[in-house]
Amino acid sequence: SQAMIYNEVLGCCKWSGSMESMALGRPACAVIPSTLNNSTSGMSLGCTGMRTFTEISDEHILITLNCKEIDSFMANLATTISANKEMEEFYLDHKKNIKG
């Protein structure tokens, strides 16, 4: 769910066109220079080294964001969280009407 929200906030979840986000695996720390040199954001699923030395559990991911993008990211995050909450309420209400 974290990765979906992150990509949605960045505008990467599109029905058409190219997706600019890419999740890196190993080494997790490579996402930092990748973001600094090539893009506005990055994501790593977290390698064993990252998880061992930081004790970050498997349910967390590592994200990077260029500081120039923070205001836009925070505004989009609020919108995305609100939209997902509304959709969850809609789906829960709709689920009541499904007969199984």
PDB file of N, CA and C in Angstrom:
ATOM      1  N   SER A   1       0.817  -1.188   0.000  1.00  0.00           N
ATOM      2  CA  SER A   1       0.000   0.000   0.000  1.00  0.00           C
ATOM      3  C   SER A   1       0.865   1.257   0.000  1.00  0.00           C
ATOM      4  N   GLN A   2       2.016   1.220   0.684  1.00  0.00           N
ATOM      5  CA  GLN A   2       2.902   2.381   0.702  1.00  0.00           C
ATOM      6  C   GLN A   2       3.370   2.742  -0.702  1.00  0.00           C
ATOM      7  N   ALA A   3       3.770   1.745  -1.457  1.00  0.00           N
ATOM      8  CA  ALA A   3       4.275   1.985  -2.806  1.00  0.00           C
ATOM      9  C   ALA A   3       3.185   2.548  -3.703  1.00  0.00           C
ATOM     10  N   MET A   4       1.971   2.048  -3.564  1.00  0.00           N
ATOM     11  CA  MET A   4       0.870   2.543  -4.378  1.00  0.00           C
ATOM     12  C   MET A   4       0.595   4.011  -4.060  1.00  0.00           C
ATOM     13  N   ILE A   5       0.508   4.345  -2.779  1.00  0.00           N
ATOM     14  CA  ILE A   5       0.253   5.729  -2.372  1.00  0.00           C
ATOM     15  C   ILE A   5       1.381   6.635  -2.872  1.00  0.00           C
ATOM     16  N   TYR A   6       2.618   6.208  -2.678  1.00  0.00           N
ATOM     17  CA  TYR A   6       3.780   6.991  -3.106  1.00  0.00           C
ATOM     18  C   TYR A   6       3.728   7.267  -4.607  1.00  0.00           C
ATOM     19  N   ASN A   7       3.496   6.244  -5.410  1.00  0.00           N
ATOM     20  CA  ASN A   7       3.421   6.431  -6.859  1.00  0.00           C
ATOM     21  C   ASN A   7       2.242   7.298  -7.258  1.00  0.00           C
ATOM     22  N   GLU A   8       1.123   7.138  -6.577  1.00  0.00           N
ATOM     23  CA  GLU A   8      -0.051   7.947  -6.888  1.00  0.00           C
ATOM     24  C   GLU A   8       0.218   9.418  -6.584  1.00  0.00           C
ATOM     25  N   VAL A   9       0.849   9.688  -5.461  1.00  0.00           N
ATOM     26  CA  VAL A   9       1.180  11.065  -5.084  1.00  0.00           C
ATOM     27  C   VAL A   9       2.102  11.704  -6.119  1.00  0.00           C
ATOM     28  N   LEU A  10       3.035  10.929  -6.627  1.00  0.00           N
ATOM     29  CA  LEU A  10       3.975  11.443  -7.621  1.00  0.00           C
ATOM     30  C   LEU A  10       3.357  11.568  -9.006  1.00  0.00           C
ATOM     31  N   GLY A  11       2.140  11.068  -9.172  1.00  0.00           N
ATOM     32  CA  GLY A  11       1.485  11.132 -10.471  1.00  0.00           C
ATOM     33  C   GLY A  11       1.912  10.028 -11.408  1.00  0.00           C
ATOM     34  N   CYS A  12       2.473   8.966 -10.853  1.00  0.00           N
ATOM     35  CA  CYS A  12       2.983   7.873 -11.684  1.00  0.00           C
ATOM     36  C   CYS A  12       1.920   6.841 -12.031  1.00  0.00           C
ATOM     37  N   CYS A  13       0.795   6.861 -11.350  1.00  0.00           N
ATOM     38  CA  CYS A  13      -0.264   5.883 -11.634  1.00  0.00           C
ATOM     39  C   CYS A  13      -1.139   6.449 -12.740  1.00  0.00           C
ATOM     40  N   LYS A  14      -0.854   6.041 -13.943  1.00  0.00           N
ATOM     41  CA  LYS A  14      -1.581   6.542 -15.105  1.00  0.00           C
ATOM     42  C   LYS A  14      -2.113   5.361 -15.893  1.00  0.00           C
ATOM     43  N   TRP A  15      -3.237   5.567 -16.538  1.00  0.00           N
ATOM     44  CA  TRP A  15      -3.801   4.509 -17.374  1.00  0.00           C
ATOM     45  C   TRP A  15      -3.108   4.457 -18.720  1.00  0.00           C
ATOM     46  N   SER A  16      -2.450   5.543 -19.094  1.00  0.00           N
ATOM     47  CA  SER A  16      -1.717   5.567 -20.358  1.00  0.00           C
ATOM     48  C   SER A  16      -0.447   6.382 -20.157  1.00  0.00           C
ATOM     49  N   GLY A  17       0.434   6.304 -21.103  1.00  0.00           N
ATOM     50  CA  GLY A  17       1.693   7.025 -20.986  1.00  0.00           C
ATOM     51  C   GLY A  17       2.724   6.206 -20.237  1.00  0.00           C
ATOM     52  N   SER A  18       3.884   6.783 -20.069  1.00  0.00           N
ATOM     53  CA  SER A  18       4.961   6.050 -19.413  1.00  0.00           C
ATOM     54  C   SER A  18       4.999   6.353 -17.921  1.00  0.00           C
ATOM     55  N   MET A  19       5.408   5.363 -17.163  1.00  0.00           N
ATOM     56  CA  MET A  19       5.586   5.550 -15.729  1.00  0.00           C
ATOM     57  C   MET A  19       7.046   5.877 -15.480  1.00  0.00           C
ATOM     58  N   GLU A  20       7.287   6.949 -14.744  1.00  0.00           N
ATOM     59  CA  GLU A  20       8.651   7.376 -14.506  1.00  0.00           C
ATOM     60  C   GLU A  20       9.248   6.764 -13.248  1.00  0.00           C
ATOM     61  N   SER A  21       8.447   6.185 -12.387  1.00  0.00           N
ATOM     62  CA  SER A  21       8.993   5.632 -11.154  1.00  0.00           C
ATOM     63  C   SER A  21       9.549   4.240 -11.407  1.00  0.00           C
ATOM     64  N   MET A  22      10.535   3.892 -10.588  1.00  0.00           N
ATOM     65  CA  MET A  22      11.121   2.570 -10.695  1.00  0.00           C
ATOM     66  C   MET A  22      11.555   2.150  -9.299  1.00  0.00           C
ATOM     67  N   ALA A  23      11.195   0.959  -8.902  1.00  0.00           N
ATOM     68  CA  ALA A  23      11.604   0.440  -7.600  1.00  0.00           C
ATOM     69  C   ALA A  23      12.928  -0.291  -7.753  1.00  0.00           C
ATOM     70  N   LEU A  24      13.889   0.102  -6.950  1.00  0.00           N
ATOM     71  CA  LEU A  24      15.188  -0.560  -6.940  1.00  0.00           C
ATOM     72  C   LEU A  24      15.204  -1.632  -5.861  1.00  0.00           C
ATOM     73  N   GLY A  25      16.068  -2.578  -6.016  1.00  0.00           N
ATOM     74  CA  GLY A  25      16.224  -3.632  -5.020  1.00  0.00           C
ATOM     75  C   GLY A  25      17.534  -3.463  -4.278  1.00  0.00           C
ATOM     76  N   ARG A  26      18.565  -4.075  -4.808  1.00  0.00           N
ATOM     77  CA  ARG A  26      19.857  -4.081  -4.134  1.00  0.00           C
ATOM     78  C   ARG A  26      20.864  -3.300  -4.948  1.00  0.00           C
ATOM     79  N   PRO A  27      21.710  -2.493  -4.331  1.00  0.00           N
ATOM     80  CA  PRO A  27      21.661  -2.101  -2.929  1.00  0.00           C
ATOM     81  C   PRO A  27      20.638  -0.991  -2.709  1.00  0.00           C
ATOM     82  N   ALA A  28      20.007  -1.019  -1.573  1.00  0.00           N
ATOM     83  CA  ALA A  28      18.965  -0.033  -1.266  1.00  0.00           C
ATOM     84  C   ALA A  28      19.510   1.388  -1.302  1.00  0.00           C
ATOM     85  N   CYS A  29      20.736   1.560  -0.840  1.00  0.00           N
ATOM     86  CA  CYS A  29      21.318   2.899  -0.772  1.00  0.00           C
ATOM     87  C   CYS A  29      21.510   3.525  -2.157  1.00  0.00           C
ATOM     88  N   ALA A  30      21.472   2.737  -3.218  1.00  0.00           N
ATOM     89  CA  ALA A  30      21.643   3.264  -4.576  1.00  0.00           C
ATOM     90  C   ALA A  30      20.516   4.202  -4.973  1.00  0.00           C
ATOM     91  N   VAL A  31      19.396   4.117  -4.285  1.00  0.00           N
ATOM     92  CA  VAL A  31      18.270   4.982  -4.612  1.00  0.00           C
ATOM     93  C   VAL A  31      18.599   6.451  -4.302  1.00  0.00           C
ATOM     94  N   ILE A  32      19.498   6.693  -3.366  1.00  0.00           N
ATOM     95  CA  ILE A  32      19.836   8.070  -2.983  1.00  0.00           C
ATOM     96  C   ILE A  32      20.585   8.790  -4.104  1.00  0.00           C
ATOM     97  N   PRO A  33      21.731   8.292  -4.574  1.00  0.00           N
ATOM     98  CA  PRO A  33      22.389   8.997  -5.677  1.00  0.00           C
ATOM     99  C   PRO A  33      21.574   8.979  -6.967  1.00  0.00           C
ATOM    100  N   SER A  34      20.789   7.949  -7.155  1.00  0.00           N
ATOM    101  CA  SER A  34      19.930   7.891  -8.335  1.00  0.00           C
ATOM    102  C   SER A  34      18.960   9.067  -8.344  1.00  0.00           C
ATOM    103  N   THR A  35      18.379   9.353  -7.200  1.00  0.00           N
ATOM    104  CA  THR A  35      17.458  10.487  -7.097  1.00  0.00           C
ATOM    105  C   THR A  35      18.206  11.805  -7.239  1.00  0.00           C
ATOM    106  N   LEU A  36      19.342  11.924  -6.584  1.00  0.00           N
ATOM    107  CA  LEU A  36      20.114  13.166  -6.654  1.00  0.00           C
ATOM    108  C   LEU A  36      20.575  13.476  -8.072  1.00  0.00           C
ATOM    109  N   ASN A  37      20.929  12.454  -8.829  1.00  0.00           N
ATOM    110  CA  ASN A  37      21.498  12.662 -10.158  1.00  0.00           C
ATOM    111  C   ASN A  37      20.499  12.636 -11.297  1.00  0.00           C
ATOM    112  N   ASN A  38      19.401  11.898 -11.140  1.00  0.00           N
ATOM    113  CA  ASN A  38      18.567  11.629 -12.312  1.00  0.00           C
ATOM    114  C   ASN A  38      17.100  11.994 -12.206  1.00  0.00           C
ATOM    115  N   SER A  39      16.565  12.161 -11.015  1.00  0.00           N
ATOM    116  CA  SER A  39      15.114  12.314 -10.946  1.00  0.00           C
ATOM    117  C   SER A  39      14.696  13.103  -9.717  1.00  0.00           C
ATOM    118  N   THR A  40      13.407  13.228  -9.565  1.00  0.00           N
ATOM    119  CA  THR A  40      12.867  13.938  -8.409  1.00  0.00           C
ATOM    120  C   THR A  40      12.526  13.002  -7.270  1.00  0.00           C
ATOM    121  N   SER A  41      12.490  11.691  -7.546  1.00  0.00           N
ATOM    122  CA  SER A  41      12.096  10.745  -6.504  1.00  0.00           C
ATOM    123  C   SER A  41      12.660   9.363  -6.809  1.00  0.00           C
ATOM    124  N   GLY A  42      12.616   8.512  -5.807  1.00  0.00           N
ATOM    125  CA  GLY A  42      13.060   7.138  -5.986  1.00  0.00           C
ATOM    126  C   GLY A  42      12.453   6.233  -4.931  1.00  0.00           C
ATOM    127  N   MET A  43      12.537   4.939  -5.175  1.00  0.00           N
ATOM    128  CA  MET A  43      11.992   3.957  -4.239  1.00  0.00           C
ATOM    129  C   MET A  43      12.864   2.708  -4.268  1.00  0.00           C
ATOM    130  N   SER A  44      13.120   2.164  -3.081  1.00  0.00           N
ATOM    131  CA  SER A  44      13.819   0.887  -2.980  1.00  0.00           C
ATOM    132  C   SER A  44      12.988  -0.047  -2.121  1.00  0.00           C
ATOM    133  N   LEU A  45      12.930  -1.286  -2.539  1.00  0.00           N
ATOM    134  CA  LEU A  45      12.213  -2.286  -1.757  1.00  0.00           C
ATOM    135  C   LEU A  45      13.012  -2.704  -0.532  1.00  0.00           C
ATOM    136  N   GLY A  46      14.280  -2.356  -0.495  1.00  0.00           N
ATOM    137  CA  GLY A  46      15.115  -2.617   0.671  1.00  0.00           C
ATOM    138  C   GLY A  46      15.856  -3.930   0.586  1.00  0.00           C
ATOM    139  N   CYS A  47      17.175  -3.852   0.531  1.00  0.00           N
ATOM    140  CA  CYS A  47      17.991  -5.059   0.463  1.00  0.00           C
ATOM    141  C   CYS A  47      18.228  -5.617   1.870  1.00  0.00           C
ATOM    142  N   THR A  48      18.820  -6.778   1.936  1.00  0.00           N
ATOM    143  CA  THR A  48      19.104  -7.424   3.218  1.00  0.00           C
ATOM    144  C   THR A  48      20.037  -6.570   4.069  1.00  0.00           C
ATOM    145  N   GLY A  49      21.024  -5.940   3.444  1.00  0.00           N
ATOM    146  CA  GLY A  49      21.940  -5.073   4.187  1.00  0.00           C
ATOM    147  C   GLY A  49      21.217  -3.927   4.861  1.00  0.00           C
ATOM    148  N   MET A  50      20.325  -3.263   4.118  1.00  0.00           N
ATOM    149  CA  MET A  50      19.558  -2.164   4.700  1.00  0.00           C
ATOM    150  C   MET A  50      18.747  -2.655   5.891  1.00  0.00           C
ATOM    151  N   ARG A  51      18.092  -3.766   5.706  1.00  0.00           N
ATOM    152  CA  ARG A  51      17.222  -4.282   6.767  1.00  0.00           C
ATOM    153  C   ARG A  51      18.033  -4.754   7.976  1.00  0.00           C
ATOM    154  N   THR A  52      19.221  -5.312   7.738  1.00  0.00           N
ATOM    155  CA  THR A  52      20.065  -5.792   8.832  1.00  0.00           C
ATOM    156  C   THR A  52      20.621  -4.632   9.649  1.00  0.00           C
ATOM    157  N   PHE A  53      21.221  -3.647   8.982  1.00  0.00           N
ATOM    158  CA  PHE A  53      21.895  -2.569   9.698  1.00  0.00           C
ATOM    159  C   PHE A  53      20.944  -1.531  10.275  1.00  0.00           C
ATOM    160  N   THR A  54      19.805  -1.317   9.652  1.00  0.00           N
ATOM    161  CA  THR A  54      18.856  -0.318  10.152  1.00  0.00           C
ATOM    162  C   THR A  54      17.745  -0.928  10.996  1.00  0.00           C
ATOM    163  N   GLU A  55      17.602  -2.248  10.921  1.00  0.00           N
ATOM    164  CA  GLU A  55      16.530  -2.977  11.606  1.00  0.00           C
ATOM    165  C   GLU A  55      15.140  -2.510  11.166  1.00  0.00           C
ATOM    166  N   ILE A  56      15.068  -2.057   9.912  1.00  0.00           N
ATOM    167  CA  ILE A  56      13.783  -1.684   9.322  1.00  0.00           C
ATOM    168  C   ILE A  56      13.103  -2.963   8.861  1.00  0.00           C
ATOM    169  N   SER A  57      11.861  -3.154   9.274  1.00  0.00           N
ATOM    170  CA  SER A  57      11.152  -4.397   8.963  1.00  0.00           C
ATOM    171  C   SER A  57      10.682  -4.439   7.509  1.00  0.00           C
ATOM    172  N   ASP A  58      10.307  -5.627   7.074  1.00  0.00           N
ATOM    173  CA  ASP A  58       9.928  -5.866   5.679  1.00  0.00           C
ATOM    174  C   ASP A  58       8.701  -5.089   5.217  1.00  0.00           C
ATOM    175  N   GLU A  59       7.866  -4.638   6.138  1.00  0.00           N
ATOM    176  CA  GLU A  59       6.666  -3.933   5.682  1.00  0.00           C
ATOM    177  C   GLU A  59       6.933  -2.474   5.317  1.00  0.00           C
ATOM    178  N   HIS A  60       8.183  -2.031   5.422  1.00  0.00           N
ATOM    179  CA  HIS A  60       8.540  -0.653   5.070  1.00  0.00           C
ATOM    180  C   HIS A  60       9.412  -0.630   3.824  1.00  0.00           C
ATOM    181  N   ILE A  61       9.286   0.457   3.070  1.00  0.00           N
ATOM    182  CA  ILE A  61      10.113   0.673   1.889  1.00  0.00           C
ATOM    183  C   ILE A  61      10.957   1.923   2.125  1.00  0.00           C
ATOM    184  N   LEU A  62      11.964   2.108   1.306  1.00  0.00           N
ATOM    185  CA  LEU A  62      12.809   3.294   1.370  1.00  0.00           C
ATOM    186  C   LEU A  62      12.449   4.184   0.193  1.00  0.00           C
ATOM    187  N   ILE A  63      12.073   5.420   0.483  1.00  0.00           N
ATOM    188  CA  ILE A  63      11.767   6.358  -0.587  1.00  0.00           C
ATOM    189  C   ILE A  63      12.683   7.562  -0.472  1.00  0.00           C
ATOM    190  N   THR A  64      12.944   8.175  -1.598  1.00  0.00           N
ATOM    191  CA  THR A  64      13.706   9.417  -1.632  1.00  0.00           C
ATOM    192  C   THR A  64      12.896  10.441  -2.405  1.00  0.00           C
ATOM    193  N   LEU A  65      13.085  11.691  -2.042  1.00  0.00           N
ATOM    194  CA  LEU A  65      12.361  12.775  -2.687  1.00  0.00           C
ATOM    195  C   LEU A  65      13.273  13.985  -2.740  1.00  0.00           C
ATOM    196  N   ASN A  66      13.433  14.566  -3.913  1.00  0.00           N
ATOM    197  CA  ASN A  66      14.211  15.781  -4.056  1.00  0.00           C
ATOM    198  C   ASN A  66      13.542  16.875  -3.233  1.00  0.00           C
ATOM    199  N   CYS A  67      14.313  17.592  -2.421  1.00  0.00           N
ATOM    200  CA  CYS A  67      13.726  18.584  -1.510  1.00  0.00           C
ATOM    201  C   CYS A  67      12.968  19.683  -2.246  1.00  0.00           C
ATOM    202  N   LYS A  68      13.267  19.906  -3.520  1.00  0.00           N
ATOM    203  CA  LYS A  68      12.538  20.910  -4.299  1.00  0.00           C
ATOM    204  C   LYS A  68      11.085  20.499  -4.526  1.00  0.00           C
ATOM    205  N   GLU A  69      10.790  19.221  -4.350  1.00  0.00           N
ATOM    206  CA  GLU A  69       9.458  18.687  -4.624  1.00  0.00           C
ATOM    207  C   GLU A  69       8.600  18.517  -3.373  1.00  0.00           C
ATOM    208  N   ILE A  70       9.118  18.866  -2.194  1.00  0.00           N
ATOM    209  CA  ILE A  70       8.428  18.527  -0.948  1.00  0.00           C
ATOM    210  C   ILE A  70       7.060  19.204  -0.820  1.00  0.00           C
ATOM    211  N   ASP A  71       6.947  20.470  -1.184  1.00  0.00           N
ATOM    212  CA  ASP A  71       5.655  21.157  -1.052  1.00  0.00           C
ATOM    213  C   ASP A  71       4.595  20.517  -1.942  1.00  0.00           C
ATOM    214  N   SER A  72       4.973  20.251  -3.179  1.00  0.00           N
ATOM    215  CA  SER A  72       4.051  19.599  -4.110  1.00  0.00           C
ATOM    216  C   SER A  72       3.690  18.203  -3.617  1.00  0.00           C
ATOM    217  N   PHE A  73       4.692  17.465  -3.135  1.00  0.00           N
ATOM    218  CA  PHE A  73       4.459  16.118  -2.630  1.00  0.00           C
ATOM    219  C   PHE A  73       3.472  16.137  -1.468  1.00  0.00           C
ATOM    220  N   MET A  74       3.653  17.043  -0.522  1.00  0.00           N
ATOM    221  CA  MET A  74       2.777  17.092   0.651  1.00  0.00           C
ATOM    222  C   MET A  74       1.339  17.453   0.263  1.00  0.00           C
ATOM    223  N   ALA A  75       1.174  18.381  -0.664  1.00  0.00           N
ATOM    224  CA  ALA A  75      -0.172  18.740  -1.126  1.00  0.00           C
ATOM    225  C   ALA A  75      -0.827  17.556  -1.823  1.00  0.00           C
ATOM    226  N   ASN A  76      -0.084  16.890  -2.691  1.00  0.00           N
ATOM    227  CA  ASN A  76      -0.620  15.723  -3.396  1.00  0.00           C
ATOM    228  C   ASN A  76      -0.887  14.562  -2.447  1.00  0.00           C
ATOM    229  N   LEU A  77      -0.078  14.433  -1.400  1.00  0.00           N
ATOM    230  CA  LEU A  77      -0.285  13.373  -0.416  1.00  0.00           C
ATOM    231  C   LEU A  77      -1.625  13.553   0.289  1.00  0.00           C
ATOM    232  N   ALA A  78      -1.925  14.775   0.694  1.00  0.00           N
ATOM    233  CA  ALA A  78      -3.204  15.039   1.361  1.00  0.00           C
ATOM    234  C   ALA A  78      -4.375  14.699   0.440  1.00  0.00           C
ATOM    235  N   THR A  79      -4.283  15.088  -0.819  1.00  0.00           N
ATOM    236  CA  THR A  79      -5.334  14.795  -1.795  1.00  0.00           C
ATOM    237  C   THR A  79      -5.481  13.295  -2.005  1.00  0.00           C
ATOM    238  N   THR A  80      -4.370  12.603  -2.135  1.00  0.00           N
ATOM    239  CA  THR A  80      -4.384  11.160  -2.377  1.00  0.00           C
ATOM    240  C   THR A  80      -4.968  10.399  -1.199  1.00  0.00           C
ATOM    241  N   ILE A  81      -4.573  10.768   0.006  1.00  0.00           N
ATOM    242  CA  ILE A  81      -5.107  10.101   1.198  1.00  0.00           C
ATOM    243  C   ILE A  81      -6.608  10.321   1.301  1.00  0.00           C
ATOM    244  N   SER A  82      -7.055  11.535   1.039  1.00  0.00           N
ATOM    245  CA  SER A  82      -8.488  11.834   1.078  1.00  0.00           C
ATOM    246  C   SER A  82      -9.249  11.025   0.026  1.00  0.00           C
ATOM    247  N   ALA A  83      -8.723  10.977  -1.186  1.00  0.00           N
ATOM    248  CA  ALA A  83      -9.384  10.228  -2.262  1.00  0.00           C
ATOM    249  C   ALA A  83      -9.450   8.741  -1.939  1.00  0.00           C
ATOM    250  N   ASN A  84      -8.371   8.193  -1.400  1.00  0.00           N
ATOM    251  CA  ASN A  84      -8.369   6.772  -1.049  1.00  0.00           C
ATOM    252  C   ASN A  84      -9.336   6.476   0.088  1.00  0.00           C
ATOM    253  N   LYS A  85      -9.472   7.380   1.034  1.00  0.00           N
ATOM    254  CA  LYS A  85     -10.428   7.203   2.134  1.00  0.00           C
ATOM    255  C   LYS A  85     -11.861   7.208   1.584  1.00  0.00           C
ATOM    256  N   GLU A  86     -12.151   8.143   0.684  1.00  0.00           N
ATOM    257  CA  GLU A  86     -13.484   8.194   0.072  1.00  0.00           C
ATOM    258  C   GLU A  86     -13.781   6.920  -0.711  1.00  0.00           C
ATOM    259  N   MET A  87     -12.811   6.430  -1.448  1.00  0.00           N
ATOM    260  CA  MET A  87     -13.018   5.203  -2.217  1.00  0.00           C
ATOM    261  C   MET A  87     -13.217   4.007  -1.298  1.00  0.00           C
ATOM    262  N   GLU A  88     -12.484   3.963  -0.194  1.00  0.00           N
ATOM    263  CA  GLU A  88     -12.662   2.867   0.760  1.00  0.00           C
ATOM    264  C   GLU A  88     -14.087   2.863   1.311  1.00  0.00           C
ATOM    265  N   GLU A  89     -14.589   4.047   1.663  1.00  0.00           N
ATOM    266  CA  GLU A  89     -15.961   4.144   2.163  1.00  0.00           C
ATOM    267  C   GLU A  89     -16.958   3.700   1.098  1.00  0.00           C
ATOM    268  N   PHE A  90     -16.739   4.121  -0.148  1.00  0.00           N
ATOM    269  CA  PHE A  90     -17.609   3.720  -1.244  1.00  0.00           C
ATOM    270  C   PHE A  90     -17.599   2.207  -1.411  1.00  0.00           C
ATOM    271  N   TYR A  91     -16.405   1.618  -1.423  1.00  0.00           N
ATOM    272  CA  TYR A  91     -16.283   0.168  -1.607  1.00  0.00           C
ATOM    273  C   TYR A  91     -16.930  -0.604  -0.463  1.00  0.00           C
ATOM    274  N   LEU A  92     -16.747  -0.137   0.760  1.00  0.00           N
ATOM    275  CA  LEU A  92     -17.360  -0.819   1.905  1.00  0.00           C
ATOM    276  C   LEU A  92     -18.881  -0.764   1.817  1.00  0.00           C
ATOM    277  N   ASP A  93     -19.416   0.385   1.402  1.00  0.00           N
ATOM    278  CA  ASP A  93     -20.863   0.510   1.236  1.00  0.00           C
ATOM    279  C   ASP A  93     -21.347  -0.383   0.097  1.00  0.00           C
ATOM    280  N   HIS A  94     -20.606  -0.387  -0.995  1.00  0.00           N
ATOM    281  CA  HIS A  94     -20.961  -1.211  -2.156  1.00  0.00           C
ATOM    282  C   HIS A  94     -20.888  -2.702  -1.808  1.00  0.00           C
ATOM    283  N   LYS A  95     -19.931  -3.074  -0.993  1.00  0.00           N
ATOM    284  CA  LYS A  95     -19.752  -4.472  -0.597  1.00  0.00           C
ATOM    285  C   LYS A  95     -20.989  -5.009   0.122  1.00  0.00           C
ATOM    286  N   LYS A  96     -21.677  -4.147   0.860  1.00  0.00           N
ATOM    287  CA  LYS A  96     -22.894  -4.555   1.575  1.00  0.00           C
ATOM    288  C   LYS A  96     -23.984  -5.015   0.611  1.00  0.00           C
ATOM    289  N   ASN A  97     -23.957  -4.476  -0.607  1.00  0.00           N
ATOM    290  CA  ASN A  97     -24.992  -4.793  -1.594  1.00  0.00           C
ATOM    291  C   ASN A  97     -24.672  -6.020  -2.442  1.00  0.00           C
ATOM    292  N   ILE A  98     -23.479  -6.556  -2.283  1.00  0.00           N
ATOM    293  CA  ILE A  98     -23.088  -7.736  -3.056  1.00  0.00           C
ATOM    294  C   ILE A  98     -23.590  -8.979  -2.339  1.00  0.00           C
ATOM    295  N   LYS A  99     -24.319  -9.788  -3.069  1.00  0.00           N
ATOM    296  CA  LYS A  99     -24.846 -11.022  -2.480  1.00  0.00           C
ATOM    297  C   LYS A  99     -23.955 -12.170  -2.896  1.00  0.00           C
ATOM    298  N   GLY A 100     -23.599 -12.995  -1.958  1.00  0.00           N
ATOM    299  CA  GLY A 100     -22.705 -14.086  -2.288  1.00  0.00           C
ATOM    300  C   GLY A 100     -23.183 -15.354  -1.876  1.00  0.00           C
TER     301      GLY A 100
END
